[in-house]
């Protein structure tokens, strides 16, 4: 099942560094591990997100407790960022509609044989409703980037020109050679075929009638041609055929079709490609700035049991109420609230 990452992973890890663990007296409802402006994030959502993400966290060894804690922490923070994005869209009346969600779900399921999509979810222990929730988050990200952030990004002609000048090699098309290789095990037959091609005013039209020979169209960068082919084609004009050559007991000749010289893609042709690259580069910066502002305004509470702030990140430590070794697992407990301290962000 395809899964799209958050719009800016760097911002998510930045978010991980900015949470503090000052516990609140108010417990979260059962099954809730965080709230974002009052909107709950459920433990089962975190578990589902972790299960999907962990498909790419391949390891020969089972993860340690700290590694699992870090992975679940990352999944939680992804969900927090997604929720902030969804709330921002809702405020602008741009939230993903049920019709948009259904349309995308139908497109995805169309790639699977009948019944295989649901089967794949069951095999991965992913609930269909949770999958739809993640799909809605993915569509929200795309909508947010396209309709909210993209209009704030301007790319000037001078920026495009500067990029073009600095990456000229990327816009150079190498010289290419197009030809047909005619081959077979019988030298006499090859020589007859070669003579017919050389005498014809339209040699390509004869190729289809050579059913007793192997015919291969070849298109290669000229500099990558084997030396034997370079020598055979040297000096030939398009439409002309080389002499009969032998290799590993087989005989062949080459019918040259076209030599395309090296060329430079013009700035006009390259402009939309460069603009797209520059937009993607700026999108991350713009998203980071937006997220930082949202974090200052948002009321975010996180269960201390899932809070993960590495000690080496910005000197912050999580003072969690860790459960004792024999206490029940997290889903059987009432998690503590951990508020996000916006003043700490301002100081940072």
Protein backbone atom coordinates (compact mmCIF):
# COMPACT_ATOMS: atom_id res chain seq x y z
CA UNK A 1 0.00 0.00 0.00
CA UNK A 2 1.54 3.33 -0.99
CA UNK A 3 2.18 5.74 1.81
CA UNK A 4 3.14 9.39 1.48
CA UNK A 5 5.44 11.00 4.05
CA UNK A 6 4.65 14.37 5.63
CA UNK A 7 5.35 17.43 3.50
CA UNK A 8 8.55 18.32 5.28
CA UNK A 9 10.27 15.66 7.36
CA UNK A 10 12.87 18.14 8.53
CA UNK A 11 10.13 20.21 10.11
CA UNK A 12 8.79 17.15 11.90
CA UNK A 13 12.10 16.43 13.54
CA UNK A 14 12.31 20.11 14.44
CA UNK A 15 8.91 19.68 16.07
CA UNK A 16 10.23 16.70 18.02
CA UNK A 17 12.90 18.91 19.54
CA UNK A 18 10.48 21.58 20.64
CA UNK A 19 8.13 19.59 22.86
CA UNK A 20 8.68 19.83 26.61
CA UNK A 21 7.39 17.47 29.24
CA UNK A 22 5.77 19.57 31.92
CA UNK A 23 2.92 17.36 33.04
CA UNK A 24 -0.60 18.67 33.46
CA UNK A 25 -3.00 17.59 36.17
CA UNK A 26 -5.76 16.87 33.63
CA UNK A 27 -5.73 13.31 32.23
CA UNK A 28 -6.42 12.59 28.58
CA UNK A 29 -9.47 10.44 27.77
CA UNK A 30 -8.90 6.73 27.42
CA UNK A 31 -7.16 5.83 24.15
CA UNK A 32 -6.13 9.43 23.44
CA UNK A 33 -2.40 10.10 23.36
CA UNK A 34 -2.41 13.74 22.25
CA UNK A 35 -4.69 16.64 21.46
CA UNK A 36 -4.13 19.42 18.94
CA UNK A 37 -6.28 22.46 19.67
CA UNK A 38 -8.72 20.09 21.33
CA UNK A 39 -8.75 17.54 18.48
CA UNK A 40 -7.74 14.09 19.81
CA UNK A 41 -5.12 11.80 18.31
CA UNK A 42 -5.83 8.20 19.22
CA UNK A 43 -3.31 5.55 20.18
CA UNK A 44 -4.64 3.32 17.39
CA UNK A 45 -3.81 6.08 14.88
CA UNK A 46 -0.23 6.19 16.14
CA UNK A 47 0.00 2.41 15.95
CA UNK A 48 -1.33 2.39 12.38
CA UNK A 49 1.05 5.14 11.29
CA UNK A 50 3.93 3.30 12.93
CA UNK A 51 2.98 0.03 11.21
CA UNK A 52 2.94 1.73 7.79
CA UNK A 53 6.18 3.63 8.39
CA UNK A 54 7.97 0.61 9.85
CA UNK A 55 7.70 -1.13 6.47
CA UNK A 56 10.73 0.96 5.44
CA UNK A 57 12.56 0.50 8.76
CA UNK A 58 14.07 -2.84 7.83
CA UNK A 59 16.49 -4.35 10.32
CA UNK A 60 17.97 -7.76 10.95
CA UNK A 61 17.52 -7.29 14.69
CA UNK A 62 14.44 -6.52 16.75
CA UNK A 63 14.41 -2.83 17.78
CA UNK A 64 15.27 -1.95 21.36
CA UNK A 65 12.77 -0.34 23.73
CA UNK A 66 14.35 3.06 23.12
CA UNK A 67 14.22 2.56 19.35
CA UNK A 68 10.56 1.57 19.52
CA UNK A 69 9.87 4.60 21.69
CA UNK A 70 11.61 6.83 19.16
CA UNK A 71 9.68 5.28 16.25
CA UNK A 72 6.32 5.73 17.96
CA UNK A 73 7.35 9.26 18.88
CA UNK A 74 8.08 10.06 15.24
CA UNK A 75 4.73 8.59 14.18
CA UNK A 76 2.94 10.72 16.77
CA UNK A 77 4.67 13.89 15.64
CA UNK A 78 3.77 13.17 12.03
CA UNK A 79 0.13 12.91 13.07
CA UNK A 80 0.39 16.18 15.02
CA UNK A 81 1.76 18.01 11.98
CA UNK A 82 -0.92 16.50 9.76
CA UNK A 83 -3.61 17.62 12.18
CA UNK A 84 -2.26 21.17 12.15
CA UNK A 85 -2.38 21.11 8.34
CA UNK A 86 -5.95 19.76 8.31
CA UNK A 87 -7.10 22.42 10.76
CA UNK A 88 -5.48 25.16 8.67
CA UNK A 89 -7.35 23.93 5.58
CA UNK A 90 -10.64 23.79 7.48
CA UNK A 91 -10.21 27.41 8.58
CA UNK A 92 -9.91 28.39 4.91
CA UNK A 93 -12.86 26.19 3.84
CA UNK A 94 -10.47 24.01 1.86
CA UNK A 95 -10.76 20.77 3.83
CA UNK A 96 -10.63 17.54 1.84
CA UNK A 97 -14.21 16.50 1.05
CA UNK A 98 -15.65 13.01 1.27
CA UNK A 99 -16.07 13.07 -2.51
CA UNK A 100 -12.36 13.86 -3.03
CA UNK A 101 -11.42 11.11 -0.60
CA UNK A 102 -13.65 8.58 -2.36
CA UNK A 103 -12.28 9.52 -5.77
CA UNK A 104 -8.68 8.95 -4.67
CA UNK A 105 -9.57 5.71 -2.91
CA UNK A 106 -11.17 4.42 -6.11
CA UNK A 107 -8.07 5.33 -8.11
CA UNK A 108 -5.84 3.46 -5.67
CA UNK A 109 -8.08 0.40 -5.51
CA UNK A 110 -8.23 0.31 -9.32
CA UNK A 111 -4.56 -0.77 -9.30
CA UNK A 112 -5.47 -3.94 -7.39
CA UNK A 113 -7.34 -7.04 -8.59
CA UNK A 114 -10.83 -7.47 -7.15
CA UNK A 115 -10.65 -7.93 -3.37
CA UNK A 116 -6.84 -7.71 -3.20
CA UNK A 117 -6.77 -4.18 -1.76
CA UNK A 118 -8.77 -5.10 1.34
CA UNK A 119 -6.73 -8.29 1.63
CA UNK A 120 -3.46 -6.34 1.62
CA UNK A 121 -4.72 -4.14 4.46
CA UNK A 122 -5.72 -7.17 6.49
CA UNK A 123 -2.29 -8.76 5.93
CA UNK A 124 -0.64 -5.59 7.24
CA UNK A 125 -3.09 -5.37 10.17
CA UNK A 126 -4.31 -1.95 9.00
CA UNK A 127 -7.91 -0.98 9.65
CA UNK A 128 -9.70 0.39 6.56
CA UNK A 129 -11.06 3.42 8.42
CA UNK A 130 -7.58 4.25 9.73
CA UNK A 131 -6.17 3.86 6.22
CA UNK A 132 -8.78 6.31 4.96
CA UNK A 133 -7.79 8.71 7.72
CA UNK A 134 -4.16 8.54 6.57
CA UNK A 135 -5.24 8.99 2.96
CA UNK A 136 -7.21 12.09 3.95
CA UNK A 137 -4.08 13.42 5.67
CA UNK A 138 -2.03 12.81 2.52
CA UNK A 139 -4.59 14.61 0.35
CA UNK A 140 -4.68 17.44 2.88
CA UNK A 141 -0.91 17.83 2.61
CA UNK A 142 -1.09 18.02 -1.17
CA UNK A 143 -3.95 20.51 -1.03
CA UNK A 144 -2.18 22.61 1.58
CA UNK A 145 1.02 22.80 -0.44
CA UNK A 146 -0.83 23.59 -3.67
CA UNK A 147 -3.51 26.01 -2.50
CA UNK A 148 -2.05 27.60 0.62
CA UNK A 149 1.74 27.62 0.41
CA UNK A 150 2.35 27.62 -3.35
CA UNK A 151 0.68 31.03 -3.93
CA UNK A 152 3.12 32.56 -1.43
CA UNK A 153 6.18 31.46 -3.43
CA UNK A 154 7.51 33.67 -6.20
CA UNK A 155 10.25 32.60 -8.58
CA UNK A 156 11.92 35.46 -10.45
CA UNK A 157 13.41 35.22 -13.92
CA UNK A 158 16.82 36.10 -12.48
CA UNK A 159 16.64 33.07 -10.13
CA UNK A 160 15.86 30.77 -13.05
CA UNK A 161 18.67 32.24 -15.13
CA UNK A 162 21.13 31.87 -12.26
CA UNK A 163 20.18 28.22 -11.79
CA UNK A 164 20.47 27.58 -15.51
CA UNK A 165 23.96 29.10 -15.64
CA UNK A 166 25.10 27.12 -12.61
CA UNK A 167 23.79 23.78 -13.98
CA UNK A 168 24.53 23.99 -17.70
CA UNK A 169 25.72 20.38 -17.82
CA UNK A 170 22.26 19.22 -16.76
CA UNK A 171 20.75 20.90 -19.83
CA UNK A 172 23.16 19.45 -22.39
CA UNK A 173 21.95 16.65 -24.65
CA UNK A 174 24.70 14.28 -25.73
CA UNK A 175 25.29 13.34 -29.34
CA UNK A 176 23.30 10.22 -30.29
CA UNK A 177 23.55 7.62 -33.01
CA UNK A 178 20.50 5.75 -34.33
CA UNK A 179 20.99 2.62 -36.46
CA UNK A 180 19.67 -0.86 -37.23
CA UNK A 181 21.76 -3.96 -36.60
CA UNK A 182 21.11 -6.82 -39.02
CA UNK A 183 22.70 -10.11 -37.92
CA UNK A 184 22.69 -13.85 -38.55
CA UNK A 185 24.87 -16.98 -38.47
CA UNK A 186 25.34 -17.32 -42.26
CA UNK A 187 27.91 -15.00 -43.82
CA UNK A 188 26.63 -15.52 -47.36
CA UNK A 189 23.08 -14.54 -46.40
CA UNK A 190 24.39 -11.45 -44.58
CA UNK A 191 26.44 -10.39 -47.58
CA UNK A 192 23.41 -10.75 -49.86
CA UNK A 193 21.28 -8.70 -47.42
CA UNK A 194 23.99 -6.09 -47.14
CA UNK A 195 24.24 -5.80 -50.95
CA UNK A 196 20.47 -5.37 -51.27
CA UNK A 197 20.46 -2.63 -48.62
CA UNK A 198 23.37 -0.82 -50.25
CA UNK A 199 21.67 -0.87 -53.66
CA UNK A 200 18.28 0.29 -52.42
CA UNK A 201 17.20 3.93 -52.43
CA UNK A 202 15.02 3.17 -49.39
CA UNK A 203 16.92 0.48 -47.45
CA UNK A 204 14.64 0.67 -44.39
CA UNK A 205 11.75 -0.62 -46.47
CA UNK A 206 13.66 -3.86 -47.10
CA UNK A 207 14.18 -4.65 -43.41
CA UNK A 208 10.70 -6.12 -42.91
CA UNK A 209 11.32 -8.71 -45.64
CA UNK A 210 14.48 -10.06 -43.97
CA UNK A 211 12.61 -12.51 -41.72
CA UNK A 212 15.52 -14.96 -41.71
CA UNK A 213 17.78 -12.41 -39.98
CA UNK A 214 17.78 -10.77 -36.54
CA UNK A 215 16.86 -7.09 -36.64
CA UNK A 216 17.53 -4.71 -33.74
CA UNK A 217 16.95 -0.97 -33.52
CA UNK A 218 19.71 0.71 -31.53
CA UNK A 219 19.76 4.22 -30.07
CA UNK A 220 22.84 5.12 -28.06
CA UNK A 221 24.85 8.10 -26.99
CA UNK A 222 27.65 8.28 -29.54
CA UNK A 223 30.38 8.27 -26.92
CA UNK A 224 29.02 5.01 -25.47
CA UNK A 225 29.21 3.05 -28.74
CA UNK A 226 31.56 0.04 -28.68
CA UNK A 227 34.74 0.69 -30.68
CA UNK A 228 33.80 -1.89 -33.31
CA UNK A 229 30.51 -0.12 -33.97
CA UNK A 230 32.18 3.30 -34.03
CA UNK A 231 34.63 2.04 -36.65
CA UNK A 232 31.86 0.41 -38.72
CA UNK A 233 29.74 3.58 -38.72
CA UNK A 234 32.60 6.02 -39.21
CA UNK A 235 32.15 8.06 -42.36
CA UNK A 236 28.72 6.62 -43.17
CA UNK A 237 25.90 8.94 -44.21
CA UNK A 238 22.36 8.29 -42.97
CA UNK A 239 20.73 5.57 -45.08
CA UNK A 240 24.04 3.82 -45.80
CA UNK A 241 25.08 0.39 -44.59
CA UNK A 242 28.40 -0.78 -43.16
CA UNK A 243 30.48 -3.71 -44.33
CA UNK A 244 29.69 -7.18 -42.96
CA UNK A 245 31.45 -7.77 -39.64
CA UNK A 246 31.92 -10.88 -37.53
CA UNK A 247 31.68 -11.33 -33.75
CA UNK A 248 31.56 -14.54 -31.74
CA UNK A 249 30.67 -16.63 -34.77
CA UNK A 250 27.82 -14.37 -35.88
CA UNK A 251 27.83 -11.90 -38.76
CA UNK A 252 26.23 -8.47 -38.82
CA UNK A 253 26.07 -5.13 -40.57
CA UNK A 254 24.80 -1.74 -39.43
CA UNK A 255 22.35 0.50 -41.27
CA UNK A 256 22.83 4.10 -40.09
CA UNK A 257 19.59 6.04 -39.64
CA UNK A 258 20.62 9.29 -37.99
CA UNK A 259 23.41 11.08 -36.17
CA UNK A 260 22.13 13.68 -33.69
CA UNK A 261 24.80 16.17 -32.61
CA UNK A 262 25.20 17.32 -29.02
CA UNK A 263 22.99 20.29 -28.20
CA UNK A 264 22.16 22.66 -25.38
CA UNK A 265 18.57 22.83 -24.11
CA UNK A 266 17.60 26.48 -24.34
CA UNK A 267 16.66 28.50 -21.28
CA UNK A 268 13.15 28.87 -22.69
CA UNK A 269 12.66 25.09 -22.81
CA UNK A 270 14.34 24.55 -19.46
CA UNK A 271 12.43 27.34 -17.70
CA UNK A 272 9.43 25.29 -16.44
CA UNK A 273 11.71 22.48 -15.25
CA UNK A 274 13.94 24.89 -13.33
CA UNK A 275 10.96 26.73 -11.88
CA UNK A 276 9.58 23.44 -10.52
CA UNK A 277 12.93 22.62 -8.88
CA UNK A 278 13.17 26.05 -7.26
CA UNK A 279 9.58 25.86 -6.01
CA UNK A 280 10.29 22.51 -4.34
CA UNK A 281 13.40 23.95 -2.71
CA UNK A 282 11.52 26.96 -1.35
CA UNK A 283 8.50 24.90 -0.28
CA UNK A 284 10.42 23.27 2.55
CA UNK A 285 11.57 26.63 3.91
CA UNK A 286 8.08 28.12 3.66
CA UNK A 287 6.54 25.10 5.37
CA UNK A 288 9.09 25.27 8.21
CA UNK A 289 8.23 28.92 8.79
CA UNK A 290 4.50 28.21 8.74
CA UNK A 291 4.85 25.30 11.17
CA UNK A 292 6.89 27.33 13.63
CA UNK A 293 4.17 30.00 13.75
CA UNK A 294 1.45 27.39 14.19
CA UNK A 295 3.30 25.78 17.07
CA UNK A 296 3.41 29.10 18.90
CA UNK A 297 -0.36 29.49 18.58
CA UNK A 298 -1.47 25.88 19.00
CA UNK A 299 -2.54 24.15 22.22
CA UNK A 300 -0.86 20.76 21.97
CA UNK A 301 -0.92 18.17 24.73
CA UNK A 302 0.99 14.91 24.50
CA UNK A 303 0.95 11.87 26.73
CA UNK A 304 4.17 11.75 28.72
CA UNK A 305 4.33 8.03 27.94
CA UNK A 306 4.83 8.75 24.24
CA UNK A 307 6.86 11.93 24.52
CA UNK A 308 10.28 11.56 22.97
CA UNK A 309 12.83 14.34 23.10
CA UNK A 310 16.44 13.19 22.65
CA UNK A 311 18.72 14.69 25.29
CA UNK A 312 21.18 15.89 22.67
CA UNK A 313 18.57 17.98 20.81
CA UNK A 314 18.81 21.63 21.75
CA UNK A 315 19.65 20.65 25.34
CA UNK A 316 16.04 19.68 26.10
CA UNK A 317 15.07 16.78 28.35
CA UNK A 318 11.76 15.02 28.80
CA UNK A 319 10.79 14.64 32.46
CA UNK A 320 8.31 11.82 32.02
CA UNK A 321 6.35 9.78 34.56
CA UNK A 322 7.63 6.49 33.25
CA UNK A 323 5.60 3.42 34.29
CA UNK A 324 7.18 0.82 36.52
CA UNK A 325 8.26 -2.47 34.96
CA UNK A 326 5.16 -4.38 36.13
CA UNK A 327 2.59 -1.72 35.31
CA UNK A 328 0.07 -2.47 32.53
CA UNK A 329 0.87 -1.40 28.95
CA UNK A 330 0.12 2.11 27.78
CA UNK A 331 -3.25 1.39 26.28
CA UNK A 332 -4.51 0.25 29.70
CA UNK A 333 -3.38 3.40 31.48
CA UNK A 334 -4.69 6.95 31.65
CA UNK A 335 -1.87 9.00 30.08
CA UNK A 336 -0.65 12.23 31.59
CA UNK A 337 -1.00 15.50 29.68
CA UNK A 338 2.12 17.18 28.42
CA UNK A 339 1.57 20.74 27.16
CA UNK A 340 3.67 22.34 24.48
CA UNK A 341 5.49 25.41 25.88
CA UNK A 342 5.41 28.17 23.26
CA UNK A 343 7.57 30.46 25.40
CA UNK A 344 10.41 27.95 25.14
CA UNK A 345 10.11 28.15 21.34
CA UNK A 346 10.40 31.93 21.43
CA UNK A 347 13.53 31.69 23.56
CA UNK A 348 15.01 29.14 21.17
